[in-house]
Amino acid sequence: MDVEQEPVPDNGSDSPVQKPPPDSMQSMSVLLDRLAKENQDIRLMQAELQEHGLDFQRLLDASAYKEQYRQDMIRWGEEKRRADPGFFCRTAVQGAAQPVWVVSDTRRLSDVEWFRGAYGDAVLTVRVTATEETRRRRSWVFVAGVDDAESECGLDQGVPFDWVIANDGDGAALGAQLEALLQDIRSRLQPRG
């Protein structure tokens, strides 16, 4: 999908903001692109994908490829978590050295608790939401036993998020939310004292 974009300012000023694409993963990439200007390290919880030799890019969309492997990935992930609740979290940060990490695939309260326990106040939680109507427009179809599993809705209740970003197709609104989030991140990176 081609999206017309304006350059992202390096200084975080009120200059033109990149117009986010409507797809949620592409919108996340807008945030990651902006953070790249700030020397971040993108950390994905994808140990399961590597171990099983799956195509990460094809799993990002609502394709039949993703659905073919989804239940197996959930089952495998549950087995790993039962044996070692911190497995995916440690894998996500292994070797990370940059000042900002984006761990985009936390799935459960235990994941958030692990990061908060390991890194305390440095953790900033961000939830990206979309209405079911928006999700359906993006080709999402509810699958019982998958979409109601803990791996898909384990953070729907009981987690106080620092930020909630609405991604319902309004590029200007999404851009404004992402810019505010980036300002918060930049302020946290400033030396204190």
N, C-alpha and C. Protein backbone atom coordinates (compact mmCIF):
# COMPACT_ATOMS: atom_id res chain seq x y z
N MET A 1 0.85 -1.17 0.00
CA MET A 1 0.00 0.00 0.00
C MET A 1 0.89 1.23 0.00
N ASP A 2 0.73 2.12 -0.94
CA ASP A 2 1.50 3.35 -0.99
C ASP A 2 0.75 4.43 -0.23
N VAL A 3 1.47 5.17 0.60
CA VAL A 3 0.88 6.25 1.37
C VAL A 3 1.72 7.49 1.16
N GLU A 4 1.06 8.59 0.83
CA GLU A 4 1.78 9.83 0.65
C GLU A 4 2.14 10.38 2.02
N GLN A 5 3.43 10.68 2.24
CA GLN A 5 3.88 11.14 3.53
C GLN A 5 4.75 12.36 3.39
N GLU A 6 4.63 13.25 4.37
CA GLU A 6 5.52 14.39 4.45
C GLU A 6 6.69 14.00 5.33
N PRO A 7 7.84 14.66 5.17
CA PRO A 7 8.97 14.34 6.02
C PRO A 7 8.65 14.59 7.49
N VAL A 8 9.22 13.77 8.36
CA VAL A 8 9.04 13.92 9.79
C VAL A 8 10.12 14.86 10.30
N PRO A 9 9.77 15.89 11.05
CA PRO A 9 10.77 16.80 11.55
C PRO A 9 11.67 16.12 12.57
N ASP A 10 12.96 16.45 12.54
CA ASP A 10 13.92 15.87 13.49
C ASP A 10 13.79 16.46 14.88
N ASN A 11 13.27 17.67 15.00
CA ASN A 11 13.29 18.37 16.27
C ASN A 11 12.00 18.27 17.07
N GLY A 12 11.00 17.58 16.58
CA GLY A 12 9.74 17.42 17.31
C GLY A 12 8.94 18.72 17.41
N SER A 13 9.17 19.65 16.54
CA SER A 13 8.46 20.93 16.58
C SER A 13 7.05 20.77 16.03
N ASP A 14 6.39 21.90 15.81
CA ASP A 14 5.04 21.88 15.26
C ASP A 14 5.03 21.77 13.75
N SER A 15 6.12 21.35 13.17
CA SER A 15 6.22 21.18 11.72
C SER A 15 5.25 20.13 11.26
N PRO A 16 5.05 20.01 9.94
CA PRO A 16 4.10 19.02 9.42
C PRO A 16 4.40 17.62 9.96
N VAL A 17 3.33 16.89 10.24
CA VAL A 17 3.43 15.55 10.79
C VAL A 17 3.10 14.56 9.69
N GLN A 18 3.80 13.43 9.72
CA GLN A 18 3.58 12.38 8.74
C GLN A 18 2.13 11.91 8.83
N LYS A 19 1.47 11.78 7.69
CA LYS A 19 0.09 11.31 7.65
C LYS A 19 0.10 9.80 7.79
N PRO A 20 -0.44 9.25 8.91
CA PRO A 20 -0.40 7.82 9.12
C PRO A 20 -1.34 7.08 8.17
N PRO A 21 -0.91 5.92 7.71
CA PRO A 21 -1.79 5.11 6.88
C PRO A 21 -2.90 4.50 7.73
N PRO A 22 -3.99 4.06 7.11
CA PRO A 22 -5.12 3.56 7.87
C PRO A 22 -4.88 2.22 8.54
N ASP A 23 -4.05 1.36 8.03
CA ASP A 23 -3.82 0.05 8.60
C ASP A 23 -3.06 0.16 9.92
N SER A 24 -3.48 -0.59 10.93
CA SER A 24 -2.91 -0.42 12.26
C SER A 24 -1.42 -0.75 12.32
N MET A 25 -0.96 -1.79 11.66
CA MET A 25 0.47 -2.11 11.70
C MET A 25 1.27 -1.04 10.98
N GLN A 26 0.74 -0.50 9.89
CA GLN A 26 1.44 0.58 9.21
C GLN A 26 1.44 1.83 10.08
N SER A 27 0.37 2.05 10.83
CA SER A 27 0.34 3.19 11.74
C SER A 27 1.38 3.02 12.83
N MET A 28 1.55 1.80 13.32
CA MET A 28 2.61 1.56 14.31
C MET A 28 3.96 1.84 13.68
N SER A 29 4.12 1.54 12.40
CA SER A 29 5.40 1.80 11.75
C SER A 29 5.69 3.29 11.68
N VAL A 30 4.63 4.13 11.60
CA VAL A 30 4.83 5.57 11.62
C VAL A 30 5.47 5.97 12.95
N LEU A 31 4.93 5.44 14.04
CA LEU A 31 5.50 5.72 15.35
C LEU A 31 6.95 5.24 15.43
N LEU A 32 7.18 4.03 14.95
CA LEU A 32 8.54 3.47 15.01
C LEU A 32 9.50 4.28 14.15
N ASP A 33 9.03 4.73 12.98
CA ASP A 33 9.88 5.57 12.12
C ASP A 33 10.25 6.86 12.83
N ARG A 34 9.28 7.45 13.51
CA ARG A 34 9.56 8.68 14.25
C ARG A 34 10.56 8.42 15.37
N LEU A 35 10.37 7.31 16.07
CA LEU A 35 11.28 6.99 17.17
C LEU A 35 12.68 6.66 16.65
N ALA A 36 12.79 6.17 15.43
CA ALA A 36 14.10 5.84 14.87
C ALA A 36 15.00 7.06 14.86
N LYS A 37 14.42 8.23 14.73
CA LYS A 37 15.20 9.47 14.78
C LYS A 37 15.84 9.64 16.15
N GLU A 38 15.37 8.92 17.12
CA GLU A 38 15.84 9.09 18.49
C GLU A 38 16.64 7.87 18.97
N ASN A 39 17.18 7.08 18.05
CA ASN A 39 18.04 5.94 18.39
C ASN A 39 17.36 4.86 19.22
N GLN A 40 16.19 4.49 18.82
CA GLN A 40 15.50 3.43 19.54
C GLN A 40 15.94 2.07 19.03
N ASP A 41 15.53 1.07 19.73
CA ASP A 41 15.76 -0.30 19.33
C ASP A 41 14.40 -0.97 19.31
N ILE A 42 13.94 -1.43 18.17
CA ILE A 42 12.62 -2.05 18.05
C ILE A 42 12.73 -3.50 18.51
N ARG A 43 11.97 -3.85 19.52
CA ARG A 43 12.02 -5.18 20.09
C ARG A 43 10.68 -5.87 19.87
N LEU A 44 10.66 -6.89 19.12
CA LEU A 44 9.43 -7.63 18.88
C LEU A 44 9.49 -8.97 19.59
N MET A 45 8.40 -9.35 20.18
CA MET A 45 8.32 -10.65 20.82
C MET A 45 8.03 -11.67 19.73
N GLN A 46 9.03 -12.09 19.01
CA GLN A 46 8.80 -12.99 17.89
C GLN A 46 9.61 -14.27 17.98
N ALA A 47 9.99 -14.67 19.18
CA ALA A 47 10.73 -15.92 19.34
C ALA A 47 9.96 -17.09 18.73
N GLU A 48 8.64 -17.08 18.91
CA GLU A 48 7.84 -18.17 18.38
C GLU A 48 7.91 -18.22 16.86
N LEU A 49 7.99 -17.05 16.23
CA LEU A 49 8.04 -17.02 14.77
C LEU A 49 9.37 -17.56 14.28
N GLN A 50 10.44 -17.18 14.94
CA GLN A 50 11.76 -17.64 14.55
C GLN A 50 11.89 -19.15 14.75
N GLU A 51 11.40 -19.62 15.89
CA GLU A 51 11.51 -21.05 16.18
C GLU A 51 10.74 -21.91 15.18
N HIS A 52 9.63 -21.38 14.69
CA HIS A 52 8.79 -22.14 13.77
C HIS A 52 8.99 -21.79 12.30
N GLY A 53 9.91 -20.88 12.02
CA GLY A 53 10.23 -20.54 10.63
C GLY A 53 9.09 -19.87 9.88
N LEU A 54 8.26 -19.10 10.58
CA LEU A 54 7.13 -18.45 9.93
C LEU A 54 7.53 -17.11 9.35
N ASP A 55 6.79 -16.66 8.35
CA ASP A 55 7.03 -15.40 7.66
C ASP A 55 6.38 -14.26 8.44
N PHE A 56 7.21 -13.48 9.12
CA PHE A 56 6.72 -12.41 9.99
C PHE A 56 5.85 -11.41 9.24
N GLN A 57 6.28 -10.95 8.08
CA GLN A 57 5.51 -9.95 7.34
C GLN A 57 4.11 -10.46 6.97
N ARG A 58 4.01 -11.73 6.63
CA ARG A 58 2.70 -12.28 6.25
C ARG A 58 1.79 -12.45 7.45
N LEU A 59 2.37 -12.52 8.65
CA LEU A 59 1.56 -12.65 9.86
C LEU A 59 1.02 -11.31 10.36
N LEU A 60 1.46 -10.21 9.77
CA LEU A 60 1.03 -8.88 10.21
C LEU A 60 -0.32 -8.48 9.65
N ASP A 61 -0.79 -9.17 8.62
CA ASP A 61 -2.08 -8.77 8.05
C ASP A 61 -3.15 -9.79 8.41
N ALA A 62 -4.34 -9.53 7.96
CA ALA A 62 -5.48 -10.42 8.26
C ALA A 62 -5.63 -11.45 7.15
N SER A 63 -4.55 -12.15 6.84
CA SER A 63 -4.56 -13.10 5.73
C SER A 63 -4.90 -14.52 6.19
N ALA A 64 -5.18 -15.35 5.22
CA ALA A 64 -5.40 -16.77 5.50
C ALA A 64 -4.13 -17.41 6.05
N TYR A 65 -2.96 -16.91 5.62
CA TYR A 65 -1.67 -17.42 6.13
C TYR A 65 -1.62 -17.27 7.65
N LYS A 66 -1.98 -16.09 8.13
CA LYS A 66 -1.96 -15.84 9.58
C LYS A 66 -2.94 -16.78 10.29
N GLU A 67 -4.14 -16.88 9.77
CA GLU A 67 -5.15 -17.72 10.41
C GLU A 67 -4.75 -19.19 10.42
N GLN A 68 -4.02 -19.62 9.40
CA GLN A 68 -3.57 -21.00 9.31
C GLN A 68 -2.69 -21.38 10.50
N TYR A 69 -1.88 -20.45 10.98
CA TYR A 69 -0.93 -20.74 12.05
C TYR A 69 -1.31 -20.16 13.40
N ARG A 70 -2.35 -19.38 13.46
CA ARG A 70 -2.68 -18.62 14.66
C ARG A 70 -2.94 -19.50 15.88
N GLN A 71 -3.80 -20.50 15.76
CA GLN A 71 -4.11 -21.36 16.90
C GLN A 71 -2.88 -22.13 17.36
N ASP A 72 -2.06 -22.59 16.43
CA ASP A 72 -0.82 -23.29 16.80
C ASP A 72 0.13 -22.36 17.55
N MET A 73 0.24 -21.10 17.10
CA MET A 73 1.11 -20.14 17.78
C MET A 73 0.61 -19.86 19.19
N ILE A 74 -0.70 -19.73 19.34
CA ILE A 74 -1.28 -19.49 20.66
C ILE A 74 -0.99 -20.67 21.58
N ARG A 75 -1.22 -21.87 21.10
CA ARG A 75 -1.00 -23.07 21.89
C ARG A 75 0.47 -23.18 22.31
N TRP A 76 1.37 -22.98 21.36
CA TRP A 76 2.80 -23.05 21.64
C TRP A 76 3.21 -21.97 22.65
N GLY A 77 2.67 -20.75 22.49
CA GLY A 77 2.98 -19.67 23.42
C GLY A 77 2.50 -19.96 24.83
N GLU A 78 1.33 -20.57 24.95
CA GLU A 78 0.81 -20.93 26.28
C GLU A 78 1.71 -21.96 26.95
N GLU A 79 2.18 -22.94 26.19
CA GLU A 79 3.09 -23.95 26.75
C GLU A 79 4.38 -23.29 27.24
N LYS A 80 4.94 -22.38 26.45
CA LYS A 80 6.16 -21.68 26.84
C LYS A 80 5.93 -20.86 28.11
N ARG A 81 4.80 -20.16 28.19
CA ARG A 81 4.52 -19.32 29.35
C ARG A 81 4.29 -20.16 30.61
N ARG A 82 3.65 -21.31 30.47
CA ARG A 82 3.46 -22.16 31.64
C ARG A 82 4.81 -22.62 32.18
N ALA A 83 5.73 -22.95 31.31
CA ALA A 83 7.06 -23.40 31.73
C ALA A 83 7.92 -22.25 32.25
N ASP A 84 7.75 -21.06 31.69
CA ASP A 84 8.60 -19.91 32.03
C ASP A 84 7.84 -18.62 31.70
N PRO A 85 7.12 -18.03 32.67
CA PRO A 85 6.30 -16.84 32.40
C PRO A 85 7.07 -15.65 31.82
N GLY A 86 8.36 -15.54 32.03
CA GLY A 86 9.12 -14.42 31.51
C GLY A 86 9.85 -14.69 30.21
N PHE A 87 9.62 -15.86 29.60
CA PHE A 87 10.36 -16.27 28.41
C PHE A 87 10.31 -15.22 27.29
N PHE A 88 9.12 -14.80 26.90
CA PHE A 88 8.99 -13.88 25.78
C PHE A 88 9.51 -12.49 26.13
N CYS A 89 9.32 -12.08 27.37
CA CYS A 89 9.80 -10.76 27.79
C CYS A 89 11.33 -10.70 27.75
N ARG A 90 11.99 -11.70 28.30
CA ARG A 90 13.46 -11.72 28.26
C ARG A 90 13.96 -11.80 26.83
N THR A 91 13.29 -12.56 26.00
CA THR A 91 13.68 -12.66 24.59
C THR A 91 13.57 -11.30 23.90
N ALA A 92 12.52 -10.55 24.23
CA ALA A 92 12.29 -9.26 23.58
C ALA A 92 13.38 -8.25 23.89
N VAL A 93 13.97 -8.31 25.08
CA VAL A 93 14.96 -7.30 25.46
C VAL A 93 16.40 -7.80 25.38
N GLN A 94 16.57 -9.04 25.04
CA GLN A 94 17.92 -9.61 24.97
C GLN A 94 18.78 -8.80 23.99
N GLY A 95 19.88 -8.27 24.49
CA GLY A 95 20.82 -7.52 23.65
C GLY A 95 20.42 -6.08 23.38
N ALA A 96 19.29 -5.63 23.92
CA ALA A 96 18.84 -4.25 23.67
C ALA A 96 19.78 -3.26 24.37
N ALA A 97 20.18 -2.25 23.64
CA ALA A 97 21.12 -1.27 24.21
C ALA A 97 20.68 0.17 23.99
N GLN A 98 19.65 0.42 23.23
CA GLN A 98 19.22 1.77 22.92
C GLN A 98 18.37 2.34 24.05
N PRO A 99 18.22 3.66 24.11
CA PRO A 99 17.46 4.26 25.22
C PRO A 99 15.95 4.05 25.15
N VAL A 100 15.40 3.74 23.98
CA VAL A 100 13.96 3.51 23.84
C VAL A 100 13.76 2.16 23.17
N TRP A 101 12.93 1.35 23.79
CA TRP A 101 12.57 0.06 23.19
C TRP A 101 11.06 0.08 22.97
N VAL A 102 10.63 -0.45 21.85
CA VAL A 102 9.21 -0.63 21.62
C VAL A 102 8.98 -2.13 21.58
N VAL A 103 8.28 -2.63 22.58
CA VAL A 103 7.93 -4.05 22.63
C VAL A 103 6.46 -4.11 22.22
N SER A 104 6.25 -4.46 20.97
CA SER A 104 4.92 -4.27 20.39
C SER A 104 3.94 -5.41 20.58
N ASP A 105 4.35 -6.46 21.22
CA ASP A 105 3.46 -7.62 21.22
C ASP A 105 3.26 -8.20 22.62
N THR A 106 3.16 -7.35 23.63
CA THR A 106 2.82 -7.88 24.95
C THR A 106 1.37 -8.32 24.89
N ARG A 107 1.07 -9.44 25.52
CA ARG A 107 -0.25 -10.05 25.37
C ARG A 107 -1.01 -10.23 26.67
N ARG A 108 -0.30 -10.24 27.80
CA ARG A 108 -0.93 -10.59 29.07
C ARG A 108 -0.50 -9.65 30.18
N LEU A 109 -1.28 -9.62 31.24
CA LEU A 109 -0.92 -8.84 32.41
C LEU A 109 0.45 -9.27 32.93
N SER A 110 0.75 -10.56 32.87
CA SER A 110 2.06 -11.04 33.36
C SER A 110 3.21 -10.43 32.56
N ASP A 111 3.01 -10.14 31.27
CA ASP A 111 4.05 -9.47 30.47
C ASP A 111 4.29 -8.06 31.00
N VAL A 112 3.20 -7.31 31.20
CA VAL A 112 3.32 -5.94 31.71
C VAL A 112 3.96 -5.95 33.09
N GLU A 113 3.54 -6.86 33.94
CA GLU A 113 4.11 -6.96 35.29
C GLU A 113 5.60 -7.29 35.23
N TRP A 114 6.01 -8.16 34.30
CA TRP A 114 7.42 -8.50 34.18
C TRP A 114 8.24 -7.27 33.84
N PHE A 115 7.79 -6.50 32.83
CA PHE A 115 8.52 -5.31 32.43
C PHE A 115 8.55 -4.28 33.55
N ARG A 116 7.43 -4.09 34.23
CA ARG A 116 7.41 -3.12 35.33
C ARG A 116 8.31 -3.58 36.48
N GLY A 117 8.33 -4.89 36.74
CA GLY A 117 9.20 -5.42 37.79
C GLY A 117 10.67 -5.27 37.44
N ALA A 118 11.00 -5.47 36.17
CA ALA A 118 12.40 -5.40 35.74
C ALA A 118 12.88 -3.97 35.53
N TYR A 119 12.00 -3.07 35.08
CA TYR A 119 12.44 -1.74 34.67
C TYR A 119 11.72 -0.59 35.38
N GLY A 120 10.78 -0.89 36.26
CA GLY A 120 10.12 0.14 37.07
C GLY A 120 9.50 1.27 36.30
N ASP A 121 9.81 2.49 36.73
CA ASP A 121 9.19 3.68 36.15
C ASP A 121 9.62 3.97 34.72
N ALA A 122 10.62 3.28 34.22
CA ALA A 122 11.06 3.49 32.84
C ALA A 122 10.05 2.93 31.84
N VAL A 123 9.15 2.06 32.31
CA VAL A 123 8.16 1.43 31.42
C VAL A 123 7.01 2.40 31.15
N LEU A 124 6.69 2.55 29.90
CA LEU A 124 5.56 3.37 29.45
C LEU A 124 4.65 2.44 28.65
N THR A 125 3.43 2.23 29.12
CA THR A 125 2.52 1.32 28.43
C THR A 125 1.61 2.10 27.49
N VAL A 126 1.45 1.58 26.28
CA VAL A 126 0.64 2.21 25.25
C VAL A 126 -0.30 1.16 24.67
N ARG A 127 -1.56 1.46 24.66
CA ARG A 127 -2.54 0.56 24.05
C ARG A 127 -3.09 1.24 22.80
N VAL A 128 -3.11 0.52 21.70
CA VAL A 128 -3.68 1.02 20.46
C VAL A 128 -5.03 0.32 20.29
N THR A 129 -6.08 1.11 20.12
CA THR A 129 -7.42 0.56 20.01
C THR A 129 -8.04 0.90 18.66
N ALA A 130 -9.03 0.12 18.31
CA ALA A 130 -9.87 0.39 17.14
C ALA A 130 -11.23 -0.22 17.42
N THR A 131 -12.28 0.41 16.95
CA THR A 131 -13.61 -0.15 17.15
C THR A 131 -13.73 -1.44 16.35
N GLU A 132 -14.71 -2.25 16.73
CA GLU A 132 -14.93 -3.48 15.96
C GLU A 132 -15.31 -3.16 14.53
N GLU A 133 -16.04 -2.09 14.31
CA GLU A 133 -16.41 -1.68 12.96
C GLU A 133 -15.15 -1.38 12.13
N THR A 134 -14.23 -0.65 12.70
CA THR A 134 -12.96 -0.34 12.01
C THR A 134 -12.19 -1.62 11.75
N ARG A 135 -12.14 -2.49 12.71
CA ARG A 135 -11.41 -3.75 12.54
C ARG A 135 -12.02 -4.59 11.42
N ARG A 136 -13.35 -4.61 11.35
CA ARG A 136 -14.01 -5.36 10.26
C ARG A 136 -13.67 -4.75 8.90
N ARG A 137 -13.62 -3.41 8.82
CA ARG A 137 -13.24 -2.76 7.56
C ARG A 137 -11.81 -3.16 7.16
N ARG A 138 -11.01 -3.53 8.12
CA ARG A 138 -9.63 -3.95 7.86
C ARG A 138 -9.54 -5.47 7.68
N SER A 139 -10.69 -6.10 7.45
CA SER A 139 -10.80 -7.53 7.14
C SER A 139 -10.72 -8.44 8.35
N TRP A 140 -10.84 -7.93 9.56
CA TRP A 140 -10.86 -8.77 10.74
C TRP A 140 -12.19 -9.48 10.85
N VAL A 141 -12.16 -10.77 11.16
CA VAL A 141 -13.36 -11.56 11.39
C VAL A 141 -13.15 -12.31 12.71
N PHE A 142 -14.09 -12.18 13.64
CA PHE A 142 -13.99 -12.84 14.93
C PHE A 142 -13.96 -14.35 14.74
N VAL A 143 -13.01 -15.01 15.42
CA VAL A 143 -12.91 -16.46 15.41
C VAL A 143 -12.98 -16.93 16.86
N ALA A 144 -14.05 -17.64 17.22
CA ALA A 144 -14.22 -18.15 18.58
C ALA A 144 -13.06 -19.10 18.91
N GLY A 145 -12.59 -19.01 20.14
CA GLY A 145 -11.48 -19.85 20.56
C GLY A 145 -10.12 -19.25 20.24
N VAL A 146 -10.11 -18.22 19.41
CA VAL A 146 -8.88 -17.52 19.07
C VAL A 146 -8.98 -16.08 19.55
N ASP A 147 -9.96 -15.35 19.04
CA ASP A 147 -10.08 -13.92 19.36
C ASP A 147 -10.58 -13.66 20.77
N ASP A 148 -11.08 -14.69 21.44
CA ASP A 148 -11.49 -14.52 22.83
C ASP A 148 -10.53 -15.21 23.79
N ALA A 149 -9.40 -15.68 23.28
CA ALA A 149 -8.37 -16.32 24.11
C ALA A 149 -7.55 -15.26 24.84
N GLU A 150 -6.89 -15.65 25.92
CA GLU A 150 -6.08 -14.72 26.69
C GLU A 150 -5.01 -14.05 25.84
N SER A 151 -4.49 -14.78 24.86
CA SER A 151 -3.45 -14.20 24.00
C SER A 151 -3.95 -13.01 23.20
N GLU A 152 -5.26 -12.90 23.01
CA GLU A 152 -5.84 -11.81 22.23
C GLU A 152 -6.51 -10.75 23.08
N CYS A 153 -6.95 -11.11 24.29
CA CYS A 153 -7.68 -10.13 25.09
C CYS A 153 -7.23 -10.11 26.55
N GLY A 154 -6.04 -10.63 26.84
CA GLY A 154 -5.53 -10.66 28.20
C GLY A 154 -5.26 -9.30 28.82
N LEU A 155 -5.17 -8.27 27.99
CA LEU A 155 -4.93 -6.92 28.51
C LEU A 155 -6.16 -6.02 28.40
N ASP A 156 -7.30 -6.62 28.11
CA ASP A 156 -8.52 -5.82 27.92
C ASP A 156 -9.03 -5.22 29.23
N GLN A 157 -8.67 -5.82 30.37
CA GLN A 157 -9.12 -5.31 31.66
C GLN A 157 -7.99 -5.42 32.67
N GLY A 158 -8.00 -4.52 33.64
CA GLY A 158 -7.07 -4.63 34.75
C GLY A 158 -5.69 -4.03 34.52
N VAL A 159 -5.45 -3.39 33.39
CA VAL A 159 -4.15 -2.79 33.12
C VAL A 159 -4.33 -1.28 33.00
N PRO A 160 -3.69 -0.52 33.89
CA PRO A 160 -3.74 0.94 33.73
C PRO A 160 -2.69 1.38 32.72
N PHE A 161 -3.12 1.67 31.50
CA PHE A 161 -2.20 2.08 30.44
C PHE A 161 -1.83 3.55 30.63
N ASP A 162 -0.57 3.88 30.34
CA ASP A 162 -0.13 5.26 30.38
C ASP A 162 -0.74 6.06 29.22
N TRP A 163 -0.90 5.40 28.09
CA TRP A 163 -1.45 6.04 26.89
C TRP A 163 -2.42 5.08 26.22
N VAL A 164 -3.52 5.60 25.71
CA VAL A 164 -4.44 4.83 24.87
C VAL A 164 -4.58 5.62 23.57
N ILE A 165 -4.18 5.00 22.47
CA ILE A 165 -4.19 5.62 21.15
C ILE A 165 -5.34 5.02 20.35
N ALA A 166 -6.26 5.87 19.88
CA ALA A 166 -7.37 5.41 19.05
C ALA A 166 -6.93 5.42 17.59
N ASN A 167 -7.06 4.28 16.93
CA ASN A 167 -6.67 4.14 15.53
C ASN A 167 -7.87 3.69 14.70
N ASP A 168 -8.78 4.61 14.46
CA ASP A 168 -10.01 4.29 13.74
C ASP A 168 -10.08 4.87 12.34
N GLY A 169 -8.92 5.19 11.76
CA GLY A 169 -8.91 5.64 10.38
C GLY A 169 -8.82 7.13 10.19
N ASP A 170 -8.86 7.92 11.26
CA ASP A 170 -8.72 9.37 11.16
C ASP A 170 -7.23 9.69 11.28
N GLY A 171 -6.59 9.88 10.13
CA GLY A 171 -5.15 10.09 10.10
C GLY A 171 -4.68 11.29 10.90
N ALA A 172 -5.45 12.38 10.85
CA ALA A 172 -5.06 13.59 11.59
C ALA A 172 -5.12 13.34 13.09
N ALA A 173 -6.19 12.70 13.55
CA ALA A 173 -6.33 12.41 14.98
C ALA A 173 -5.23 11.45 15.44
N LEU A 174 -4.96 10.43 14.64
CA LEU A 174 -3.90 9.49 14.99
C LEU A 174 -2.55 10.20 15.03
N GLY A 175 -2.28 11.03 14.05
CA GLY A 175 -1.02 11.77 14.02
C GLY A 175 -0.84 12.65 15.24
N ALA A 176 -1.91 13.31 15.66
CA ALA A 176 -1.84 14.17 16.85
C ALA A 176 -1.57 13.35 18.11
N GLN A 177 -2.20 12.19 18.21
CA GLN A 177 -1.97 11.32 19.37
C GLN A 177 -0.53 10.82 19.40
N LEU A 178 -0.03 10.40 18.24
CA LEU A 178 1.34 9.90 18.17
C LEU A 178 2.35 11.01 18.48
N GLU A 179 2.07 12.21 18.02
CA GLU A 179 2.97 13.33 18.31
C GLU A 179 3.01 13.62 19.80
N ALA A 180 1.85 13.58 20.48
CA ALA A 180 1.82 13.79 21.93
C ALA A 180 2.59 12.69 22.65
N LEU A 181 2.44 11.46 22.20
CA LEU A 181 3.19 10.35 22.79
C LEU A 181 4.69 10.56 22.60
N LEU A 182 5.09 10.95 21.42
CA LEU A 182 6.51 11.20 21.15
C LEU A 182 7.06 12.32 22.03
N GLN A 183 6.27 13.36 22.25
CA GLN A 183 6.71 14.44 23.13
C GLN A 183 6.93 13.91 24.54
N ASP A 184 6.04 13.04 25.00
CA ASP A 184 6.19 12.43 26.32
C ASP A 184 7.48 11.61 26.38
N ILE A 185 7.71 10.80 25.36
CA ILE A 185 8.93 9.98 25.33
C ILE A 185 10.17 10.86 25.32
N ARG A 186 10.16 11.90 24.49
CA ARG A 186 11.32 12.81 24.43
C ARG A 186 11.57 13.45 25.79
N SER A 187 10.50 13.85 26.48
CA SER A 187 10.67 14.50 27.78
C SER A 187 11.26 13.52 28.80
N ARG A 188 10.91 12.26 28.70
CA ARG A 188 11.46 11.25 29.61
C ARG A 188 12.93 10.98 29.35
N LEU A 189 13.38 11.25 28.12
CA LEU A 189 14.78 11.02 27.77
C LEU A 189 15.70 12.19 28.14
N GLN A 190 15.09 13.33 28.49
CA GLN A 190 15.89 14.50 28.86
C GLN A 190 16.55 14.26 30.22
N PRO A 191 17.82 14.66 30.34
CA PRO A 191 18.49 14.52 31.64
C PRO A 191 17.74 15.31 32.72
N ARG A 192 17.62 14.71 33.86
CA ARG A 192 16.92 15.37 34.97
C ARG A 192 17.95 15.93 35.95
N GLY A 193 17.58 17.04 36.52
CA GLY A 193 18.46 17.54 37.55
C GLY A 193 18.83 18.91 37.33
